[in-house]
Amino acid sequence: MHINFKRITNQLIDLANLKLGIFQSKAKALFEFASYSSIAYFTPLFFVQPQIFLGTVVNSMLICGALYVRGAKLIPLIVLPSIGAISRGFLFGPLSVFLFYMLPFIWISNAILVFSIKAFYLKNKKHFIFGVICSSALKSIFFNWFFDFSIIFKRFFLR
């Protein structure tokens, strides 16, 4: 089986460049991106509990970013929530070393949420609620699959 990485990369770039067709000035678009990024970073930094509040705010910023941000600006939005959690551990303690092992999987699951929203809603023109539900399910399935089959999880968390 031959995997065409160039085709996959081009499809991801096409998805990353989709956004809702709202015309904005560059200053307003930059302010909007900075707002989403700031909320995505500072929410895990200052609010740890309740987790449902934290997850809802962060995932809503990821969804807003998927709809209104395009291109390489999506990368900081995908990465910043986990960097905020690490910063909290550095500043306020205690920092768990296991968070560092989980970072790539958190980033991948955030990317799954963002790109599947773009694929369902913006590219394939499915209903917004359908896109959010399917994207959330895909993120959850990936993260649960990681914990079910993870060598890291079995080695460090099941002592």
N, C-alpha and C. Protein backbone atom coordinates (compact mmCIF):
# COMPACT_ATOMS: atom_id res chain seq x y z
N MET A 1 0.85 -1.18 0.00
CA MET A 1 0.00 0.00 0.00
C MET A 1 0.89 1.24 0.00
N HIS A 2 0.66 2.11 -0.94
CA HIS A 2 1.47 3.32 -1.10
C HIS A 2 0.68 4.51 -0.56
N ILE A 3 1.29 5.22 0.37
CA ILE A 3 0.66 6.42 0.94
C ILE A 3 1.24 7.63 0.24
N ASN A 4 0.39 8.44 -0.31
CA ASN A 4 0.81 9.64 -1.02
C ASN A 4 0.80 10.82 -0.05
N PHE A 5 1.95 11.05 0.58
CA PHE A 5 2.04 12.10 1.60
C PHE A 5 1.88 13.50 1.00
N LYS A 6 2.29 13.67 -0.23
CA LYS A 6 2.15 14.98 -0.87
C LYS A 6 0.67 15.32 -1.04
N ARG A 7 -0.13 14.35 -1.46
CA ARG A 7 -1.56 14.59 -1.62
C ARG A 7 -2.22 14.88 -0.27
N ILE A 8 -1.85 14.12 0.76
CA ILE A 8 -2.41 14.34 2.09
C ILE A 8 -2.02 15.73 2.60
N THR A 9 -0.76 16.11 2.40
CA THR A 9 -0.30 17.43 2.83
C THR A 9 -1.06 18.53 2.10
N ASN A 10 -1.25 18.39 0.82
CA ASN A 10 -1.99 19.40 0.05
C ASN A 10 -3.44 19.50 0.52
N GLN A 11 -4.06 18.37 0.86
CA GLN A 11 -5.43 18.41 1.36
C GLN A 11 -5.50 19.11 2.72
N LEU A 12 -4.52 18.87 3.59
CA LEU A 12 -4.50 19.56 4.88
C LEU A 12 -4.28 21.05 4.72
N ILE A 13 -3.42 21.43 3.79
CA ILE A 13 -3.19 22.86 3.53
C ILE A 13 -4.47 23.51 2.99
N ASP A 14 -5.16 22.81 2.08
CA ASP A 14 -6.43 23.33 1.57
C ASP A 14 -7.45 23.51 2.69
N LEU A 15 -7.52 22.53 3.60
CA LEU A 15 -8.43 22.64 4.74
C LEU A 15 -8.03 23.79 5.65
N ALA A 16 -6.73 23.94 5.90
CA ALA A 16 -6.26 25.01 6.79
C ALA A 16 -6.60 26.38 6.25
N ASN A 17 -6.67 26.52 4.95
CA ASN A 17 -6.94 27.82 4.35
C ASN A 17 -8.42 28.15 4.22
N LEU A 18 -9.30 27.23 4.62
CA LEU A 18 -10.74 27.52 4.59
C LEU A 18 -11.12 28.33 5.82
N LYS A 19 -12.04 29.24 5.64
CA LYS A 19 -12.65 29.96 6.76
C LYS A 19 -13.97 30.52 6.30
N LEU A 20 -14.78 30.94 7.26
CA LEU A 20 -16.06 31.52 6.89
C LEU A 20 -15.83 32.77 6.05
N GLY A 21 -16.70 33.02 5.11
CA GLY A 21 -16.51 34.11 4.18
C GLY A 21 -16.88 35.47 4.72
N ILE A 22 -16.31 35.84 5.84
CA ILE A 22 -16.57 37.14 6.43
C ILE A 22 -15.37 38.03 6.13
N PHE A 23 -15.62 39.17 5.49
CA PHE A 23 -14.52 40.08 5.19
C PHE A 23 -14.21 40.90 6.44
N GLN A 24 -12.91 40.94 6.79
CA GLN A 24 -12.46 41.73 7.93
C GLN A 24 -11.18 42.45 7.55
N SER A 25 -10.95 43.55 8.21
CA SER A 25 -9.67 44.20 8.03
C SER A 25 -8.59 43.34 8.69
N LYS A 26 -7.35 43.58 8.32
CA LYS A 26 -6.26 42.80 8.90
C LYS A 26 -6.15 43.03 10.40
N ALA A 27 -6.40 44.25 10.84
CA ALA A 27 -6.32 44.56 12.27
C ALA A 27 -7.39 43.80 13.05
N LYS A 28 -8.61 43.75 12.51
CA LYS A 28 -9.67 43.03 13.19
C LYS A 28 -9.41 41.53 13.20
N ALA A 29 -8.91 40.98 12.10
CA ALA A 29 -8.58 39.56 12.05
C ALA A 29 -7.46 39.22 13.02
N LEU A 30 -6.46 40.11 13.14
CA LEU A 30 -5.37 39.89 14.08
C LEU A 30 -5.87 39.96 15.52
N PHE A 31 -6.76 40.91 15.80
CA PHE A 31 -7.35 41.01 17.14
C PHE A 31 -8.16 39.76 17.48
N GLU A 32 -8.91 39.27 16.51
CA GLU A 32 -9.71 38.07 16.73
C GLU A 32 -8.82 36.86 17.01
N PHE A 33 -7.75 36.70 16.21
CA PHE A 33 -6.80 35.61 16.43
C PHE A 33 -6.13 35.74 17.80
N ALA A 34 -5.74 36.95 18.17
CA ALA A 34 -5.09 37.16 19.48
C ALA A 34 -6.07 36.86 20.62
N SER A 35 -7.33 37.18 20.43
CA SER A 35 -8.33 36.89 21.47
C SER A 35 -8.51 35.39 21.66
N TYR A 36 -8.67 34.66 20.56
CA TYR A 36 -8.83 33.21 20.66
C TYR A 36 -7.59 32.58 21.29
N SER A 37 -6.42 33.02 20.87
CA SER A 37 -5.17 32.45 21.39
C SER A 37 -5.00 32.77 22.87
N SER A 38 -5.30 33.99 23.27
CA SER A 38 -5.17 34.38 24.67
C SER A 38 -6.10 33.59 25.57
N ILE A 39 -7.33 33.45 25.16
CA ILE A 39 -8.29 32.69 25.96
C ILE A 39 -7.87 31.22 26.02
N ALA A 40 -7.41 30.68 24.89
CA ALA A 40 -6.97 29.28 24.86
C ALA A 40 -5.75 29.05 25.75
N TYR A 41 -4.88 30.05 25.89
CA TYR A 41 -3.69 29.92 26.73
C TYR A 41 -3.99 30.18 28.21
N PHE A 42 -4.69 31.26 28.49
CA PHE A 42 -4.87 31.68 29.88
C PHE A 42 -5.93 30.88 30.64
N THR A 43 -6.87 30.27 29.95
CA THR A 43 -7.86 29.47 30.65
C THR A 43 -7.22 28.29 31.39
N PRO A 44 -6.36 27.47 30.76
CA PRO A 44 -5.73 26.40 31.53
C PRO A 44 -4.71 26.92 32.55
N LEU A 45 -4.21 28.12 32.32
CA LEU A 45 -3.22 28.69 33.25
C LEU A 45 -3.87 29.07 34.57
N PHE A 46 -5.06 29.63 34.53
CA PHE A 46 -5.69 30.14 35.74
C PHE A 46 -6.85 29.30 36.27
N PHE A 47 -7.45 28.47 35.44
CA PHE A 47 -8.57 27.65 35.87
C PHE A 47 -8.24 26.18 35.68
N VAL A 48 -8.17 25.45 36.77
CA VAL A 48 -7.91 24.02 36.68
C VAL A 48 -9.21 23.25 36.84
N GLN A 49 -10.02 23.66 37.76
CA GLN A 49 -11.27 22.97 38.06
C GLN A 49 -12.42 23.95 37.88
N PRO A 50 -13.55 23.56 37.51
CA PRO A 50 -13.96 22.25 37.07
C PRO A 50 -13.48 21.97 35.64
N GLN A 51 -13.13 20.74 35.38
CA GLN A 51 -12.58 20.35 34.09
C GLN A 51 -13.58 20.56 32.96
N ILE A 52 -14.86 20.40 33.26
CA ILE A 52 -15.87 20.60 32.21
C ILE A 52 -15.87 22.05 31.73
N PHE A 53 -15.66 22.99 32.64
CA PHE A 53 -15.58 24.40 32.26
C PHE A 53 -14.33 24.65 31.42
N LEU A 54 -13.21 24.14 31.87
CA LEU A 54 -11.94 24.32 31.15
C LEU A 54 -12.01 23.72 29.75
N GLY A 55 -12.49 22.49 29.66
CA GLY A 55 -12.59 21.83 28.35
C GLY A 55 -13.55 22.54 27.42
N THR A 56 -14.66 23.02 27.95
CA THR A 56 -15.64 23.72 27.13
C THR A 56 -15.07 25.01 26.57
N VAL A 57 -14.40 25.78 27.40
CA VAL A 57 -13.83 27.05 26.94
C VAL A 57 -12.74 26.80 25.90
N VAL A 58 -11.83 25.89 26.18
CA VAL A 58 -10.73 25.62 25.26
C VAL A 58 -11.25 25.07 23.94
N ASN A 59 -12.16 24.10 23.99
CA ASN A 59 -12.70 23.54 22.75
C ASN A 59 -13.52 24.56 21.97
N SER A 60 -14.20 25.48 22.66
CA SER A 60 -14.93 26.52 21.93
C SER A 60 -13.97 27.47 21.22
N MET A 61 -12.83 27.75 21.83
CA MET A 61 -11.82 28.58 21.15
C MET A 61 -11.23 27.84 19.95
N LEU A 62 -11.05 26.54 20.08
CA LEU A 62 -10.57 25.75 18.94
C LEU A 62 -11.59 25.75 17.80
N ILE A 63 -12.87 25.65 18.15
CA ILE A 63 -13.92 25.67 17.13
C ILE A 63 -14.00 27.04 16.47
N CYS A 64 -13.94 28.11 17.27
CA CYS A 64 -13.93 29.46 16.69
C CYS A 64 -12.72 29.65 15.79
N GLY A 65 -11.58 29.16 16.23
CA GLY A 65 -10.38 29.24 15.40
C GLY A 65 -10.55 28.47 14.10
N ALA A 66 -11.20 27.32 14.17
CA ALA A 66 -11.43 26.53 12.95
C ALA A 66 -12.30 27.29 11.97
N LEU A 67 -13.24 28.05 12.48
CA LEU A 67 -14.17 28.77 11.61
C LEU A 67 -13.61 30.08 11.07
N TYR A 68 -12.83 30.80 11.89
CA TYR A 68 -12.47 32.16 11.53
C TYR A 68 -10.98 32.41 11.32
N VAL A 69 -10.15 31.40 11.55
CA VAL A 69 -8.70 31.57 11.37
C VAL A 69 -8.26 30.63 10.26
N ARG A 70 -7.29 31.08 9.49
CA ARG A 70 -6.82 30.23 8.40
C ARG A 70 -5.30 30.16 8.38
N GLY A 71 -4.82 29.14 7.73
CA GLY A 71 -3.39 28.99 7.49
C GLY A 71 -2.60 28.60 8.73
N ALA A 72 -1.38 29.08 8.77
CA ALA A 72 -0.44 28.72 9.83
C ALA A 72 -0.83 29.30 11.19
N LYS A 73 -1.77 30.24 11.21
CA LYS A 73 -2.22 30.79 12.50
C LYS A 73 -2.96 29.75 13.33
N LEU A 74 -3.35 28.64 12.72
CA LEU A 74 -4.02 27.58 13.47
C LEU A 74 -3.07 26.85 14.41
N ILE A 75 -1.80 26.80 14.07
CA ILE A 75 -0.83 26.03 14.87
C ILE A 75 -0.73 26.56 16.30
N PRO A 76 -0.53 27.87 16.51
CA PRO A 76 -0.50 28.32 17.91
C PRO A 76 -1.80 28.05 18.66
N LEU A 77 -2.90 28.16 17.98
CA LEU A 77 -4.19 27.91 18.61
C LEU A 77 -4.32 26.45 19.05
N ILE A 78 -3.77 25.53 18.29
CA ILE A 78 -3.81 24.11 18.62
C ILE A 78 -2.87 23.79 19.78
N VAL A 79 -1.74 24.47 19.86
CA VAL A 79 -0.69 24.15 20.83
C VAL A 79 -0.85 24.91 22.15
N LEU A 80 -1.36 26.12 22.12
CA LEU A 80 -1.37 26.99 23.30
C LEU A 80 -2.11 26.46 24.53
N PRO A 81 -3.23 25.75 24.41
CA PRO A 81 -3.88 25.27 25.64
C PRO A 81 -2.98 24.35 26.47
N SER A 82 -2.25 23.46 25.84
CA SER A 82 -1.37 22.57 26.61
C SER A 82 -0.15 23.32 27.14
N ILE A 83 0.31 24.34 26.42
CA ILE A 83 1.41 25.17 26.92
C ILE A 83 0.93 25.94 28.16
N GLY A 84 -0.32 26.36 28.16
CA GLY A 84 -0.89 27.01 29.33
C GLY A 84 -0.93 26.08 30.53
N ALA A 85 -1.26 24.81 30.30
CA ALA A 85 -1.27 23.84 31.41
C ALA A 85 0.14 23.60 31.95
N ILE A 86 1.13 23.55 31.07
CA ILE A 86 2.52 23.39 31.51
C ILE A 86 2.97 24.62 32.28
N SER A 87 2.61 25.80 31.80
CA SER A 87 2.97 27.04 32.49
C SER A 87 2.38 27.08 33.88
N ARG A 88 1.17 26.59 34.02
CA ARG A 88 0.55 26.53 35.35
C ARG A 88 1.38 25.67 36.28
N GLY A 89 1.86 24.53 35.79
CA GLY A 89 2.69 23.66 36.61
C GLY A 89 4.00 24.32 37.00
N PHE A 90 4.61 25.06 36.08
CA PHE A 90 5.86 25.76 36.39
C PHE A 90 5.63 26.88 37.41
N LEU A 91 4.57 27.65 37.21
CA LEU A 91 4.35 28.83 38.05
C LEU A 91 3.75 28.50 39.40
N PHE A 92 2.76 27.64 39.41
CA PHE A 92 2.00 27.41 40.62
C PHE A 92 2.21 26.02 41.21
N GLY A 93 2.98 25.15 40.49
CA GLY A 93 3.24 23.79 40.96
C GLY A 93 1.97 22.98 41.03
N PRO A 94 1.97 21.75 41.23
CA PRO A 94 3.03 20.81 40.90
C PRO A 94 2.96 20.46 39.41
N LEU A 95 4.11 20.37 38.81
CA LEU A 95 4.20 20.01 37.39
C LEU A 95 4.44 18.51 37.28
N SER A 96 3.60 17.84 36.55
CA SER A 96 3.73 16.40 36.35
C SER A 96 4.53 16.13 35.08
N VAL A 97 5.49 15.24 35.18
CA VAL A 97 6.30 14.89 34.02
C VAL A 97 5.45 14.16 32.97
N PHE A 98 4.35 13.55 33.41
CA PHE A 98 3.50 12.81 32.48
C PHE A 98 2.83 13.73 31.48
N LEU A 99 2.65 14.99 31.82
CA LEU A 99 2.06 15.94 30.89
C LEU A 99 2.93 16.10 29.65
N PHE A 100 4.24 16.05 29.84
CA PHE A 100 5.15 16.17 28.69
C PHE A 100 4.98 14.99 27.72
N TYR A 101 4.73 13.80 28.26
CA TYR A 101 4.51 12.64 27.40
C TYR A 101 3.19 12.74 26.65
N MET A 102 2.23 13.42 27.23
CA MET A 102 0.91 13.52 26.62
C MET A 102 0.79 14.66 25.61
N LEU A 103 1.73 15.60 25.61
CA LEU A 103 1.63 16.79 24.75
C LEU A 103 1.36 16.47 23.28
N PRO A 104 2.14 15.59 22.65
CA PRO A 104 1.87 15.35 21.22
C PRO A 104 0.46 14.81 20.96
N PHE A 105 -0.05 14.02 21.88
CA PHE A 105 -1.38 13.45 21.69
C PHE A 105 -2.47 14.49 21.93
N ILE A 106 -2.22 15.41 22.84
CA ILE A 106 -3.15 16.53 23.04
C ILE A 106 -3.16 17.40 21.79
N TRP A 107 -1.99 17.68 21.25
CA TRP A 107 -1.91 18.50 20.03
C TRP A 107 -2.60 17.81 18.86
N ILE A 108 -2.38 16.51 18.72
CA ILE A 108 -3.02 15.78 17.62
C ILE A 108 -4.53 15.79 17.79
N SER A 109 -5.02 15.59 19.01
CA SER A 109 -6.47 15.58 19.21
C SER A 109 -7.07 16.97 18.98
N ASN A 110 -6.35 18.02 19.36
CA ASN A 110 -6.83 19.38 19.05
C ASN A 110 -6.85 19.62 17.55
N ALA A 111 -5.83 19.14 16.85
CA ALA A 111 -5.78 19.28 15.39
C ALA A 111 -6.91 18.49 14.74
N ILE A 112 -7.22 17.32 15.27
CA ILE A 112 -8.34 16.54 14.75
C ILE A 112 -9.64 17.33 14.88
N LEU A 113 -9.84 17.96 16.02
CA LEU A 113 -11.05 18.77 16.22
C LEU A 113 -11.10 19.92 15.21
N VAL A 114 -10.03 20.67 15.09
CA VAL A 114 -10.00 21.84 14.20
C VAL A 114 -10.19 21.44 12.74
N PHE A 115 -9.41 20.46 12.28
CA PHE A 115 -9.48 20.11 10.86
C PHE A 115 -10.75 19.35 10.49
N SER A 116 -11.32 18.61 11.43
CA SER A 116 -12.58 17.94 11.10
C SER A 116 -13.74 18.94 11.07
N ILE A 117 -13.70 19.97 11.92
CA ILE A 117 -14.71 21.04 11.80
C ILE A 117 -14.60 21.69 10.43
N LYS A 118 -13.38 22.00 10.03
CA LYS A 118 -13.19 22.61 8.71
C LYS A 118 -13.68 21.67 7.60
N ALA A 119 -13.41 20.38 7.74
CA ALA A 119 -13.81 19.42 6.71
C ALA A 119 -15.33 19.25 6.65
N PHE A 120 -15.96 19.05 7.81
CA PHE A 120 -17.40 18.82 7.82
C PHE A 120 -18.19 20.07 7.46
N TYR A 121 -17.88 21.17 8.13
CA TYR A 121 -18.73 22.36 8.00
C TYR A 121 -18.33 23.24 6.82
N LEU A 122 -17.05 23.55 6.70
CA LEU A 122 -16.64 24.50 5.67
C LEU A 122 -16.46 23.85 4.29
N LYS A 123 -15.89 22.66 4.25
CA LYS A 123 -15.62 22.04 2.96
C LYS A 123 -16.83 21.25 2.44
N ASN A 124 -17.38 20.38 3.28
CA ASN A 124 -18.47 19.50 2.84
C ASN A 124 -19.86 20.09 3.07
N LYS A 125 -19.92 21.29 3.67
CA LYS A 125 -21.18 22.02 3.86
C LYS A 125 -22.23 21.23 4.65
N LYS A 126 -21.77 20.48 5.65
CA LYS A 126 -22.71 19.80 6.54
C LYS A 126 -23.22 20.80 7.56
N HIS A 127 -24.28 20.45 8.26
CA HIS A 127 -24.84 21.33 9.28
C HIS A 127 -23.80 21.55 10.38
N PHE A 128 -23.78 22.75 10.95
CA PHE A 128 -22.78 23.11 11.96
C PHE A 128 -22.82 22.17 13.16
N ILE A 129 -24.01 21.89 13.68
CA ILE A 129 -24.14 21.02 14.85
C ILE A 129 -23.63 19.62 14.52
N PHE A 130 -23.95 19.13 13.34
CA PHE A 130 -23.44 17.83 12.90
C PHE A 130 -21.92 17.83 12.87
N GLY A 131 -21.33 18.90 12.34
CA GLY A 131 -19.88 19.01 12.30
C GLY A 131 -19.25 19.04 13.67
N VAL A 132 -19.85 19.78 14.59
CA VAL A 132 -19.32 19.86 15.96
C VAL A 132 -19.42 18.51 16.65
N ILE A 133 -20.56 17.84 16.52
CA ILE A 133 -20.74 16.54 17.17
C ILE A 133 -19.77 15.51 16.60
N CYS A 134 -19.66 15.45 15.28
CA CYS A 134 -18.74 14.48 14.66
C CYS A 134 -17.29 14.79 15.00
N SER A 135 -16.93 16.06 14.98
CA SER A 135 -15.56 16.44 15.29
C SER A 135 -15.21 16.14 16.74
N SER A 136 -16.13 16.43 17.63
CA SER A 136 -15.91 16.12 19.05
C SER A 136 -15.80 14.62 19.26
N ALA A 137 -16.62 13.86 18.56
CA ALA A 137 -16.56 12.41 18.67
C ALA A 137 -15.22 11.88 18.16
N LEU A 138 -14.74 12.42 17.04
CA LEU A 138 -13.44 12.00 16.51
C LEU A 138 -12.31 12.31 17.47
N LYS A 139 -12.35 13.50 18.07
CA LYS A 139 -11.33 13.86 19.06
C LYS A 139 -11.38 12.91 20.25
N SER A 140 -12.56 12.65 20.73
CA SER A 140 -12.74 11.77 21.88
C SER A 140 -12.30 10.35 21.56
N ILE A 141 -12.66 9.86 20.39
CA ILE A 141 -12.27 8.51 19.98
C ILE A 141 -10.75 8.40 19.90
N PHE A 142 -10.10 9.39 19.31
CA PHE A 142 -8.63 9.36 19.23
C PHE A 142 -8.01 9.34 20.62
N PHE A 143 -8.47 10.23 21.49
CA PHE A 143 -7.86 10.34 22.81
C PHE A 143 -8.12 9.08 23.64
N ASN A 144 -9.34 8.54 23.55
CA ASN A 144 -9.63 7.30 24.26
C ASN A 144 -8.84 6.13 23.69
N TRP A 145 -8.68 6.09 22.38
CA TRP A 145 -7.87 5.06 21.75
C TRP A 145 -6.43 5.15 22.24
N PHE A 146 -5.92 6.36 22.36
CA PHE A 146 -4.56 6.55 22.86
C PHE A 146 -4.41 5.98 24.27
N PHE A 147 -5.37 6.27 25.13
CA PHE A 147 -5.28 5.77 26.50
C PHE A 147 -5.51 4.27 26.59
N ASP A 148 -6.32 3.71 25.71
CA ASP A 148 -6.54 2.26 25.74
C ASP A 148 -5.31 1.47 25.31
N PHE A 149 -4.59 1.98 24.33
CA PHE A 149 -3.49 1.22 23.75
C PHE A 149 -2.11 1.81 24.03
N SER A 150 -2.06 2.83 24.83
CA SER A 150 -0.81 3.55 25.03
C SER A 150 0.17 2.80 25.91
N ILE A 151 1.37 2.68 25.41
CA ILE A 151 2.47 2.11 26.20
C ILE A 151 2.81 3.06 27.34
N ILE A 152 2.77 4.34 27.07
CA ILE A 152 3.07 5.33 28.11
C ILE A 152 2.06 5.21 29.25
N PHE A 153 0.79 5.11 28.89
CA PHE A 153 -0.23 5.00 29.92
C PHE A 153 -0.03 3.74 30.76
N LYS A 154 0.19 2.61 30.10
CA LYS A 154 0.34 1.35 30.83
C LYS A 154 1.60 1.35 31.68
N ARG A 155 2.64 1.98 31.20
CA ARG A 155 3.90 1.95 31.93
C ARG A 155 3.90 2.90 33.13
N PHE A 156 3.36 4.10 32.96
CA PHE A 156 3.48 5.10 34.01
C PHE A 156 2.26 5.20 34.92
N PHE A 157 1.08 5.01 34.38
CA PHE A 157 -0.12 5.24 35.16
C PHE A 157 -0.65 3.99 35.85
N LEU A 158 -0.26 2.82 35.40
CA LEU A 158 -0.77 1.59 36.00
C LEU A 158 0.32 0.88 36.80
N ARG A 159 0.92 1.56 37.72
CA ARG A 159 1.95 0.95 38.57
C ARG A 159 1.34 0.26 39.73
